């Protein structure tokens, strides 16, 4: 095993200047690509069915969410490995230290992205209470269409039944709160069910039995809507975590390639990540 020369004896082997340079570059590339991806996704959506490609938009979004972190961290890791000072010790140790610099680029970029997301959300959620309120409002938005379905007048009934209620807005808020609480619990309390049916019958002109049936159908639809949103959030979280872990591997590999090119004085080109090693 080769011993490091006297000039290689250091007190600090982590070079933060190279790490920060790689992390900032990775964050900037990620921001630009995400902005471009948003524009591409919006171009595939349209209120006109003949011009809307929803499935293609979802596919592009999934691919872009995986592609952007990997590409940006490849570039950031390579820059960190290439720009850190050379070390003439054992080659396996050199590769490991280059890879660690790539890992730190990944970690710094993740922290930068997290801070940007935090400050972006800061205006809407400054404290824990606001976060909880935002969560309730999100679920309330999910059940809003269910409330509309509950209060829709029965066929052939004029608007007189609904105009008699002077507290329509308050009733809507109350119905929303009941549905939100019920979907969170996973069951509709019998007393709440009877109360909802009574309001629906009074507001829509439906018979009590028909009002009960509408309440059951709308509640089942609200549960399905909330469950779909939950699954989508879980899928998005797992996809993000997977992309970031792949980005970690990319940053490690790219930093080692950058260190190899640095030690061998190989010019950096567009194919810098797949260039063969010199013998």
Protein backbone atom coordinates (compact mmCIF):
# COMPACT_ATOMS: atom_id res chain seq x y z
CA UNK A 1 0.00 0.00 0.00
CA UNK A 2 1.40 3.36 -1.01
CA UNK A 3 2.01 5.83 1.80
CA UNK A 4 0.92 9.46 1.37
CA UNK A 5 3.74 11.92 0.85
CA UNK A 6 4.54 14.60 3.38
CA UNK A 7 2.63 17.12 1.30
CA UNK A 8 -0.49 14.95 1.61
CA UNK A 9 -0.57 15.03 5.40
CA UNK A 10 -3.56 17.26 6.19
CA UNK A 11 -5.68 18.14 9.16
CA UNK A 12 -8.89 18.24 7.16
CA UNK A 13 -9.71 15.89 4.30
CA UNK A 14 -13.19 17.28 3.61
CA UNK A 15 -13.02 20.12 1.11
CA UNK A 16 -16.20 22.09 1.53
CA UNK A 17 -15.47 24.51 -1.27
CA UNK A 18 -15.65 21.69 -3.83
CA UNK A 19 -18.68 20.18 -2.09
CA UNK A 20 -20.60 23.46 -2.03
CA UNK A 21 -19.72 24.14 -5.65
CA UNK A 22 -21.10 20.76 -6.67
CA UNK A 23 -24.21 21.11 -4.50
CA UNK A 24 -25.03 24.60 -5.78
CA UNK A 25 -24.55 23.44 -9.37
CA UNK A 26 -26.79 20.41 -8.76
CA UNK A 27 -29.49 22.57 -7.15
CA UNK A 28 -29.42 25.08 -9.99
CA UNK A 29 -29.63 22.38 -12.66
CA UNK A 30 -32.47 20.71 -10.76
CA UNK A 31 -34.39 23.99 -10.52
CA UNK A 32 -34.03 24.69 -14.24
CA UNK A 33 -35.04 21.16 -15.25
CA UNK A 34 -38.03 21.10 -12.89
CA UNK A 35 -39.19 24.43 -14.33
CA UNK A 36 -38.85 23.04 -17.84
CA UNK A 37 -40.64 19.85 -16.82
CA UNK A 38 -43.54 21.84 -15.40
CA UNK A 39 -43.89 23.69 -18.68
CA UNK A 40 -43.77 20.42 -20.64
CA UNK A 41 -46.41 18.87 -18.38
CA UNK A 42 -48.73 21.84 -18.70
CA UNK A 43 -48.37 21.75 -22.48
CA UNK A 44 -49.82 18.23 -22.45
CA UNK A 45 -52.94 19.30 -20.54
CA UNK A 46 -55.87 21.21 -21.98
CA UNK A 47 -59.54 21.80 -21.15
CA UNK A 48 -60.28 20.49 -24.64
CA UNK A 49 -60.29 16.66 -24.63
CA UNK A 50 -58.86 16.40 -28.14
CA UNK A 51 -55.82 18.43 -27.06
CA UNK A 52 -55.28 16.93 -23.60
CA UNK A 53 -52.91 14.02 -22.94
CA UNK A 54 -53.36 13.31 -19.24
CA UNK A 55 -51.75 9.85 -19.29
CA UNK A 56 -48.74 11.16 -21.18
CA UNK A 57 -48.45 14.02 -18.70
CA UNK A 58 -48.45 11.58 -15.77
CA UNK A 59 -45.82 9.41 -17.47
CA UNK A 60 -43.61 12.39 -18.24
CA UNK A 61 -43.96 13.65 -14.66
CA UNK A 62 -42.92 10.28 -13.22
CA UNK A 63 -39.93 10.03 -15.56
CA UNK A 64 -38.90 13.63 -14.91
CA UNK A 65 -39.09 13.14 -11.13
CA UNK A 66 -36.55 10.30 -11.43
CA UNK A 67 -34.39 11.84 -14.15
CA UNK A 68 -33.82 15.31 -12.68
CA UNK A 69 -32.18 14.32 -9.35
CA UNK A 70 -29.96 11.73 -11.03
CA UNK A 71 -28.70 14.06 -13.77
CA UNK A 72 -28.18 17.07 -11.50
CA UNK A 73 -26.33 15.02 -8.88
CA UNK A 74 -24.20 13.35 -11.53
CA UNK A 75 -22.98 16.78 -12.57
CA UNK A 76 -22.62 18.03 -9.00
CA UNK A 77 -20.75 14.93 -7.86
CA UNK A 78 -18.41 15.06 -10.81
CA UNK A 79 -17.57 18.70 -10.13
CA UNK A 80 -16.79 17.96 -6.48
CA UNK A 81 -14.56 15.02 -7.33
CA UNK A 82 -12.82 16.89 -10.10
CA UNK A 83 -12.23 20.08 -8.12
CA UNK A 84 -11.00 18.65 -4.83
CA UNK A 85 -7.25 18.50 -4.31
CA UNK A 86 -5.42 15.35 -5.46
CA UNK A 87 -4.14 12.84 -2.91
CA UNK A 88 -1.33 10.42 -3.78
CA UNK A 89 -2.17 7.68 -1.30
CA UNK A 90 -3.67 4.26 -1.93
CA UNK A 91 -5.98 4.35 -4.96
CA UNK A 92 -8.84 2.61 -3.21
CA UNK A 93 -8.64 5.19 -0.43
CA UNK A 94 -8.56 7.99 -3.01
CA UNK A 95 -11.68 6.60 -4.69
CA UNK A 96 -13.43 6.27 -1.35
CA UNK A 97 -12.68 9.87 -0.39
CA UNK A 98 -13.81 11.09 -3.78
CA UNK A 99 -17.03 9.12 -3.32
CA UNK A 100 -17.55 10.62 0.14
CA UNK A 101 -17.32 14.07 -1.42
CA UNK A 102 -20.05 13.01 -3.83
CA UNK A 103 -22.16 11.83 -0.88
CA UNK A 104 -21.69 15.20 0.82
CA UNK A 105 -22.73 16.96 -2.39
CA UNK A 106 -25.91 14.88 -2.32
CA UNK A 107 -26.54 15.65 1.36
CA UNK A 108 -25.92 19.38 0.91
CA UNK A 109 -28.17 19.53 -2.16
CA UNK A 110 -30.95 17.73 -0.25
CA UNK A 111 -30.61 20.22 2.62
CA UNK A 112 -30.69 23.15 0.18
CA UNK A 113 -33.80 21.73 -1.48
CA UNK A 114 -35.44 21.15 1.90
CA UNK A 115 -34.72 24.70 3.03
CA UNK A 116 -36.09 26.11 -0.22
CA UNK A 117 -39.28 24.07 0.22
CA UNK A 118 -39.57 25.19 3.85
CA UNK A 119 -39.20 28.89 3.07
CA UNK A 120 -41.56 28.57 0.11
CA UNK A 121 -44.19 27.07 2.40
CA UNK A 122 -43.41 29.49 5.22
CA UNK A 123 -46.02 32.03 4.16
CA UNK A 124 -48.76 29.42 4.40
CA UNK A 125 -47.55 27.48 7.44
CA UNK A 126 -45.40 29.33 9.95
CA UNK A 127 -46.23 27.27 13.01
CA UNK A 128 -47.57 23.83 13.80
CA UNK A 129 -51.11 25.12 14.23
CA UNK A 130 -51.10 26.53 10.70
CA UNK A 131 -49.81 23.23 9.37
CA UNK A 132 -52.70 21.38 11.02
CA UNK A 133 -55.15 23.95 9.69
CA UNK A 134 -53.75 23.55 6.18
CA UNK A 135 -54.14 19.77 6.45
CA UNK A 136 -57.78 20.16 7.46
CA UNK A 137 -58.40 22.58 4.61
CA UNK A 138 -56.86 20.10 2.15
CA UNK A 139 -59.21 17.35 3.28
CA UNK A 140 -62.09 19.80 3.23
CA UNK A 141 -61.29 20.57 -0.41
CA UNK A 142 -61.40 16.85 -1.16
CA UNK A 143 -64.92 16.48 0.24
CA UNK A 144 -66.24 19.74 -1.22
CA UNK A 145 -67.72 17.98 -4.25
CA UNK A 146 -69.35 15.47 -1.90
CA UNK A 147 -71.09 18.33 -0.07
CA UNK A 148 -72.30 19.66 -3.41
CA UNK A 149 -73.77 16.25 -4.20
CA UNK A 150 -75.52 16.12 -0.83
CA UNK A 151 -77.24 19.47 -1.29
CA UNK A 152 -78.22 19.08 -4.94
CA UNK A 153 -82.02 19.49 -5.23
CA UNK A 154 -84.07 16.46 -6.16
CA UNK A 155 -85.25 16.26 -9.80
CA UNK A 156 -88.35 18.36 -10.35
CA UNK A 157 -87.96 20.31 -7.09
CA UNK A 158 -87.70 24.08 -7.42
CA UNK A 159 -85.24 26.22 -5.52
CA UNK A 160 -87.87 27.18 -2.89
CA UNK A 161 -86.73 24.44 -0.55
CA UNK A 162 -83.20 25.73 -0.53
CA UNK A 163 -84.09 29.40 -0.39
CA UNK A 164 -85.95 28.85 2.90
CA UNK A 165 -82.67 28.09 4.61
CA UNK A 166 -81.07 31.37 5.69
CA UNK A 167 -77.91 29.66 6.93
CA UNK A 168 -76.87 27.88 3.75
CA UNK A 169 -73.21 28.78 4.06
CA UNK A 170 -73.08 27.73 7.71
CA UNK A 171 -74.76 24.45 6.84
CA UNK A 172 -72.25 23.74 4.10
CA UNK A 173 -69.40 24.34 6.52
CA UNK A 174 -71.02 22.05 9.06
CA UNK A 175 -71.54 19.29 6.52
CA UNK A 176 -67.93 19.62 5.42
CA UNK A 177 -66.69 19.32 9.00
CA UNK A 178 -68.82 16.21 9.59
CA UNK A 179 -67.56 14.54 6.41
CA UNK A 180 -63.94 15.47 7.14
CA UNK A 181 -64.14 14.05 10.66
CA UNK A 182 -65.94 10.92 9.44
CA UNK A 183 -63.45 10.19 6.68
CA UNK A 184 -60.61 10.66 9.17
CA UNK A 185 -62.25 8.14 11.55
CA UNK A 186 -63.13 5.75 8.73
CA UNK A 187 -66.79 5.47 9.77
CA UNK A 188 -69.90 7.63 9.82
CA UNK A 189 -71.53 7.85 13.23
CA UNK A 190 -75.23 6.84 13.10
CA UNK A 191 -76.25 10.10 14.77
CA UNK A 192 -74.29 12.10 12.19
CA UNK A 193 -75.81 9.99 9.43
CA UNK A 194 -79.35 10.75 10.63
CA UNK A 195 -78.52 14.43 11.04
CA UNK A 196 -77.05 14.65 7.53
CA UNK A 197 -80.09 12.88 6.11
CA UNK A 198 -82.40 15.35 7.87
CA UNK A 199 -80.54 18.35 6.46
CA UNK A 200 -80.46 16.81 2.99
CA UNK A 201 -84.21 16.09 3.11
CA UNK A 202 -84.98 19.64 4.23
CA UNK A 203 -82.68 21.28 1.71
CA UNK A 204 -83.39 19.14 -1.35
CA UNK A 205 -86.99 17.99 -1.04
CA UNK A 206 -86.00 14.31 -1.04
CA UNK A 207 -87.96 11.74 0.93
CA UNK A 208 -86.23 10.62 4.18
CA UNK A 209 -85.35 7.20 2.74
CA UNK A 210 -83.90 8.76 -0.41
CA UNK A 211 -81.97 11.26 1.71
CA UNK A 212 -80.47 8.42 3.79
CA UNK A 213 -79.46 6.62 0.61
CA UNK A 214 -77.85 9.77 -0.78
CA UNK A 215 -75.89 10.29 2.43
CA UNK A 216 -74.55 6.71 2.28
CA UNK A 217 -73.57 7.04 -1.39
CA UNK A 218 -71.90 10.43 -0.92
CA UNK A 219 -70.00 9.28 2.17
CA UNK A 220 -68.70 6.22 0.31
CA UNK A 221 -67.59 8.49 -2.54
CA UNK A 222 -65.86 10.85 -0.10
CA UNK A 223 -64.00 7.92 1.48
CA UNK A 224 -62.86 6.79 -1.95
CA UNK A 225 -61.68 10.31 -2.85
CA UNK A 226 -59.68 10.68 0.38
CA UNK A 227 -58.18 7.19 -0.01
CA UNK A 228 -57.15 7.96 -3.59
CA UNK A 229 -55.45 11.15 -2.44
CA UNK A 230 -53.68 9.26 0.37
CA UNK A 231 -52.37 6.61 -2.02
CA UNK A 232 -51.19 9.30 -4.42
CA UNK A 233 -49.30 11.04 -1.59
CA UNK A 234 -47.69 7.73 -0.52
CA UNK A 235 -46.69 6.95 -4.10
CA UNK A 236 -45.22 10.42 -4.58
CA UNK A 237 -43.26 10.10 -1.32
CA UNK A 238 -41.83 6.70 -2.24
CA UNK A 239 -40.94 7.90 -5.74
CA UNK A 240 -39.16 10.95 -4.32
CA UNK A 241 -37.21 8.83 -1.82
CA UNK A 242 -36.23 6.37 -4.57
CA UNK A 243 -35.08 9.18 -6.85
CA UNK A 244 -32.98 10.71 -4.08
CA UNK A 245 -31.35 7.37 -3.26
CA UNK A 246 -30.53 6.86 -6.93
CA UNK A 247 -29.17 10.41 -6.91
CA UNK A 248 -26.90 9.45 -4.00
CA UNK A 249 -25.49 6.54 -6.00
CA UNK A 250 -25.08 8.84 -9.01
CA UNK A 251 -23.23 11.49 -6.98
CA UNK A 252 -20.90 8.87 -5.45
CA UNK A 253 -20.09 7.36 -8.85
CA UNK A 254 -19.66 10.72 -10.58
CA UNK A 255 -17.35 12.02 -7.84
CA UNK A 256 -15.12 8.97 -8.26
CA UNK A 257 -15.05 9.50 -12.02
CA UNK A 258 -14.22 13.16 -11.51
CA UNK A 259 -11.37 12.21 -9.17
CA UNK A 260 -10.03 9.70 -11.67
CA UNK A 261 -10.11 12.26 -14.47
CA UNK A 262 -8.41 14.77 -12.15
CA UNK A 263 -5.57 12.38 -11.31
CA UNK A 264 -5.12 11.26 -14.93
CA UNK A 265 -5.45 14.80 -16.37
CA UNK A 266 -8.29 13.64 -18.63
CA UNK A 267 -10.17 16.59 -20.18
CA UNK A 268 -13.80 16.88 -19.14
CA UNK A 269 -16.16 16.35 -22.07
CA UNK A 270 -19.84 15.61 -22.52
CA UNK A 271 -18.98 11.90 -22.13
CA UNK A 272 -17.06 12.46 -18.90
CA UNK A 273 -19.07 9.84 -17.00
CA UNK A 274 -18.57 6.93 -19.41
CA UNK A 275 -15.01 7.61 -20.56
CA UNK A 276 -12.78 4.56 -20.21
CA UNK A 277 -9.98 4.49 -17.71
CA UNK A 278 -6.46 4.90 -18.98
CA UNK A 279 -4.12 2.03 -18.38
